[in-house]
Amino acid sequence: MKIRTVPLSEMKDKRAQSGKGLKPGRLEAFSDGVIAVIITVLVLELKVPPANGIAGLRAALPSILVYLLTFVQIGIYWVNHHYLVDETEEVSHGILWANLVFLFCLSLFPFATEWIADKGLSSFTAALYAAVSIFPGVAYLLLWTEIRARSSAAPHASWGKQIASVVLYMLAIPAAYLRPWASLVLIGVVASLWLMPPRRCPPIS
């Protein structure tokens, strides 16, 4: 009896067609759903102030500005996550867990935003917000490293840009004890670095 040897590429194709392969599409769809929930929770945390008119608007202004900053940060991560998934050639066990760690860290943003809305902008609340901003930055760098180790596509972001972002987040913590708004400005600077469309870097050899 002649035994037919199935090529590895054919086995992978059949596995992908059967739905058993680890596809980047499922990773992206799940991440999109989680990020959508995070933004929804963030919106629900906005509260109408007790005061009416200009006084109420003035009282709510810090919360609105921090909400805007948080929304922009989450939006930037969502956009760049799409670029990162586009570079993904295969999804490994490590990538799945790194992505979960990233989503967990991102889910802490509504907590830090609500803390400022409830307690007001102070040195401690601004420092807490800056500390929470560090976590998704580090987690995204971890996910980026996992994907880049298995991808030959040109990366959408460089090591330097990501490290610089984390360093600015860290500097925002002591800045909060000098001027709380200075801490948020530093975080806003990080956001401005990522607003422009990425320039594809040369592939990492």
Protein backbone atom coordinates (compact mmCIF):
# COMPACT_ATOMS: atom_id res chain seq x y z
CA MET A 1 0.00 0.00 0.00
CA LYS A 2 1.37 3.36 -1.00
CA ILE A 3 1.30 6.03 1.66
CA ARG A 4 0.86 9.60 0.41
CA THR A 5 2.95 12.18 2.17
CA VAL A 6 1.09 15.45 2.67
CA PRO A 7 3.28 18.57 2.36
CA LEU A 8 3.42 20.80 5.41
CA SER A 9 2.09 23.78 3.43
CA GLU A 10 -0.96 21.75 2.37
CA MET A 11 -1.58 20.71 5.97
CA LYS A 12 -1.49 24.36 7.06
CA ASP A 13 -3.89 25.34 4.28
CA LYS A 14 -6.34 22.61 5.26
CA ARG A 15 -6.07 23.54 8.91
CA ALA A 16 -6.75 27.20 8.10
CA GLN A 17 -9.74 26.25 5.94
CA SER A 18 -11.16 24.09 8.71
CA GLY A 19 -11.06 27.02 11.14
CA LYS A 20 -8.51 25.41 13.44
CA GLY A 21 -5.63 27.71 12.54
CA LEU A 22 -4.58 30.64 14.69
CA LYS A 23 -5.70 33.49 12.47
CA PRO A 24 -4.81 37.16 13.05
CA GLY A 25 -8.37 38.07 12.11
CA ARG A 26 -9.81 36.53 15.27
CA LEU A 27 -7.19 38.30 17.40
CA GLU A 28 -8.11 41.62 15.82
CA ALA A 29 -11.87 41.08 16.10
CA PHE A 30 -11.62 40.11 19.78
CA SER A 31 -9.40 43.11 20.52
CA ASP A 32 -11.78 45.46 18.71
CA GLY A 33 -14.65 44.19 20.83
CA VAL A 34 -12.77 44.65 24.10
CA ILE A 35 -11.61 48.15 23.15
CA ALA A 36 -15.19 49.06 22.19
CA VAL A 37 -16.34 47.97 25.66
CA ILE A 38 -13.55 50.00 27.31
CA ILE A 39 -14.64 53.14 25.43
CA THR A 40 -18.27 52.46 26.34
CA VAL A 41 -17.40 52.16 30.04
CA LEU A 42 -15.36 55.36 29.74
CA VAL A 43 -18.34 57.27 28.32
CA LEU A 44 -20.65 55.97 31.03
CA GLU A 45 -18.34 57.42 33.69
CA LEU A 46 -19.09 60.98 32.55
CA LYS A 47 -21.40 62.56 35.12
CA VAL A 48 -23.53 65.70 34.97
CA PRO A 49 -22.32 68.18 37.64
CA PRO A 50 -24.73 69.34 40.38
CA ALA A 51 -24.37 73.00 39.42
CA ASN A 52 -26.16 74.52 36.44
CA GLY A 53 -25.00 76.82 33.69
CA ILE A 54 -21.45 78.09 33.38
CA ALA A 55 -20.61 77.05 36.94
CA GLY A 56 -21.51 73.45 36.17
CA LEU A 57 -19.58 73.49 32.92
CA ARG A 58 -16.55 74.93 34.71
CA ALA A 59 -16.79 72.21 37.34
CA ALA A 60 -17.05 69.49 34.69
CA LEU A 61 -14.31 70.89 32.43
CA PRO A 62 -11.37 69.00 34.04
CA SER A 63 -13.28 65.72 33.78
CA ILE A 64 -14.17 66.41 30.14
CA LEU A 65 -10.56 67.24 29.23
CA VAL A 66 -9.22 64.12 30.93
CA TYR A 67 -11.96 62.09 29.22
CA LEU A 68 -10.86 63.56 25.87
CA LEU A 69 -7.21 62.74 26.60
CA THR A 70 -8.14 59.18 27.56
CA PHE A 71 -10.34 58.73 24.48
CA VAL A 72 -7.48 59.92 22.25
CA GLN A 73 -5.03 57.56 23.95
CA ILE A 74 -7.32 54.56 23.55
CA GLY A 75 -8.02 55.57 19.95
CA ILE A 76 -4.29 55.75 19.20
CA TYR A 77 -3.76 52.28 20.62
CA TRP A 78 -6.70 50.97 18.57
CA VAL A 79 -5.30 52.46 15.34
CA ASN A 80 -1.77 51.20 15.96
CA HIS A 81 -3.07 47.79 17.03
CA HIS A 82 -4.57 47.48 13.55
CA TYR A 83 -1.21 48.31 11.99
CA LEU A 84 0.46 45.77 14.27
CA VAL A 85 -2.02 42.99 13.47
CA ASP A 86 -1.51 43.75 9.78
CA GLU A 87 2.15 42.84 10.31
CA THR A 88 1.22 39.55 11.98
CA GLU A 89 1.99 36.51 9.82
CA GLU A 90 1.02 33.88 12.39
CA VAL A 91 -0.49 34.00 15.86
CA SER A 92 1.44 32.15 18.55
CA HIS A 93 0.56 31.28 22.13
CA GLY A 94 2.84 34.08 23.31
CA ILE A 95 1.11 36.62 21.07
CA LEU A 96 -2.30 35.63 22.42
CA TRP A 97 -1.23 36.17 26.02
CA ALA A 98 0.71 39.35 25.24
CA ASN A 99 -2.43 40.71 23.58
CA LEU A 100 -4.51 39.84 26.64
CA VAL A 101 -2.01 41.61 28.91
CA PHE A 102 -2.21 44.66 26.64
CA LEU A 103 -6.02 44.69 26.73
CA PHE A 104 -6.03 44.32 30.52
CA CYS A 105 -3.69 47.29 30.92
CA LEU A 106 -5.81 49.32 28.51
CA SER A 107 -8.93 48.50 30.52
CA LEU A 108 -7.48 50.37 33.53
CA PHE A 109 -7.93 53.74 31.79
CA PRO A 110 -11.60 54.22 32.79
CA PHE A 111 -10.64 53.57 36.44
CA ALA A 112 -7.94 56.27 36.43
CA THR A 113 -10.17 58.70 34.51
CA GLU A 114 -13.06 58.21 36.93
CA TRP A 115 -10.71 58.72 39.89
CA ILE A 116 -9.83 62.20 38.59
CA ALA A 117 -13.49 62.94 37.85
CA ASP A 118 -14.52 61.89 41.36
CA LYS A 119 -11.61 63.24 43.43
CA GLY A 120 -10.59 66.15 41.25
CA LEU A 121 -7.27 66.90 39.60
CA SER A 122 -4.51 66.78 42.19
CA SER A 123 -0.89 65.68 42.40
CA PHE A 124 -1.92 62.17 43.42
CA THR A 125 -4.69 61.68 40.85
CA ALA A 126 -2.49 63.03 38.03
CA ALA A 127 0.38 60.76 39.13
CA LEU A 128 -2.01 57.80 39.25
CA TYR A 129 -3.23 58.59 35.75
CA ALA A 130 0.37 58.80 34.52
CA ALA A 131 1.21 55.47 36.18
CA VAL A 132 -1.81 53.81 34.56
CA SER A 133 -0.68 55.24 31.21
CA ILE A 134 2.64 53.43 31.56
CA PHE A 135 1.07 49.97 31.70
CA PRO A 136 -0.48 49.79 28.19
CA GLY A 137 2.65 51.43 26.78
CA VAL A 138 4.86 48.67 28.20
CA ALA A 139 2.30 45.97 27.29
CA TYR A 140 2.08 47.22 23.70
CA LEU A 141 5.86 47.08 23.48
CA LEU A 142 5.72 43.48 24.71
CA LEU A 143 3.07 42.59 22.10
CA TRP A 144 5.07 44.40 19.41
CA THR A 145 8.18 42.40 20.36
CA GLU A 146 6.29 39.10 20.19
CA ILE A 147 4.86 39.89 16.75
CA ARG A 148 8.06 41.34 15.34
CA ALA A 149 9.94 38.15 16.28
CA ARG A 150 7.73 36.27 13.81
CA SER A 151 7.19 38.87 11.11
CA SER A 152 9.24 39.94 8.11
CA ALA A 153 7.00 42.92 7.29
CA ALA A 154 8.24 46.44 7.85
CA PRO A 155 7.30 47.59 11.39
CA HIS A 156 4.95 50.53 11.80
CA ALA A 157 6.82 51.85 14.84
CA SER A 158 10.40 51.87 16.06
CA TRP A 159 11.88 50.81 19.37
CA GLY A 160 12.99 54.39 19.99
CA LYS A 161 9.52 55.87 19.62
CA GLN A 162 7.99 53.35 22.00
CA ILE A 163 10.75 53.67 24.60
CA ALA A 164 10.53 57.48 24.41
CA SER A 165 6.78 57.25 25.04
CA VAL A 166 7.22 55.09 28.13
CA VAL A 167 9.95 57.42 29.45
CA LEU A 168 7.67 60.45 29.04
CA TYR A 169 4.92 58.60 30.91
CA MET A 170 7.37 57.91 33.73
CA LEU A 171 8.46 61.57 33.84
CA ALA A 172 4.79 62.55 34.10
CA ILE A 173 4.64 60.99 37.58
CA PRO A 174 7.12 63.33 39.32
CA ALA A 175 5.80 66.20 37.17
CA ALA A 176 2.39 65.67 38.77
CA TYR A 177 3.82 66.72 42.15
CA LEU A 178 5.14 69.95 40.64
CA ARG A 179 2.09 70.81 38.57
CA PRO A 180 -0.75 68.31 37.98
CA TRP A 181 -1.52 69.85 34.59
CA ALA A 182 2.14 69.51 33.58
CA SER A 183 1.78 65.75 34.00
CA LEU A 184 -1.22 65.66 31.66
CA VAL A 185 0.62 67.87 29.15
CA LEU A 186 3.48 65.34 29.02
CA ILE A 187 0.96 62.57 28.38
CA GLY A 188 -0.57 64.74 25.67
CA VAL A 189 2.87 65.10 24.08
CA VAL A 190 3.08 61.31 23.84
CA ALA A 191 -0.33 61.24 22.18
CA SER A 192 0.77 63.85 19.64
CA LEU A 193 3.75 61.66 18.69
CA TRP A 194 1.38 58.89 17.62
CA LEU A 195 -1.34 60.90 15.88
CA MET A 196 0.42 61.04 12.52
CA PRO A 197 0.24 58.02 10.17
CA PRO A 198 3.21 55.72 10.75
CA ARG A 199 6.20 55.61 8.46
CA ARG A 200 7.09 52.03 7.79
CA CYS A 201 10.54 51.31 9.22
CA PRO A 202 13.01 48.94 7.53
CA PRO A 203 12.43 45.30 8.56
CA ILE A 204 14.38 44.21 11.63
CA SER A 205 16.96 41.60 10.66
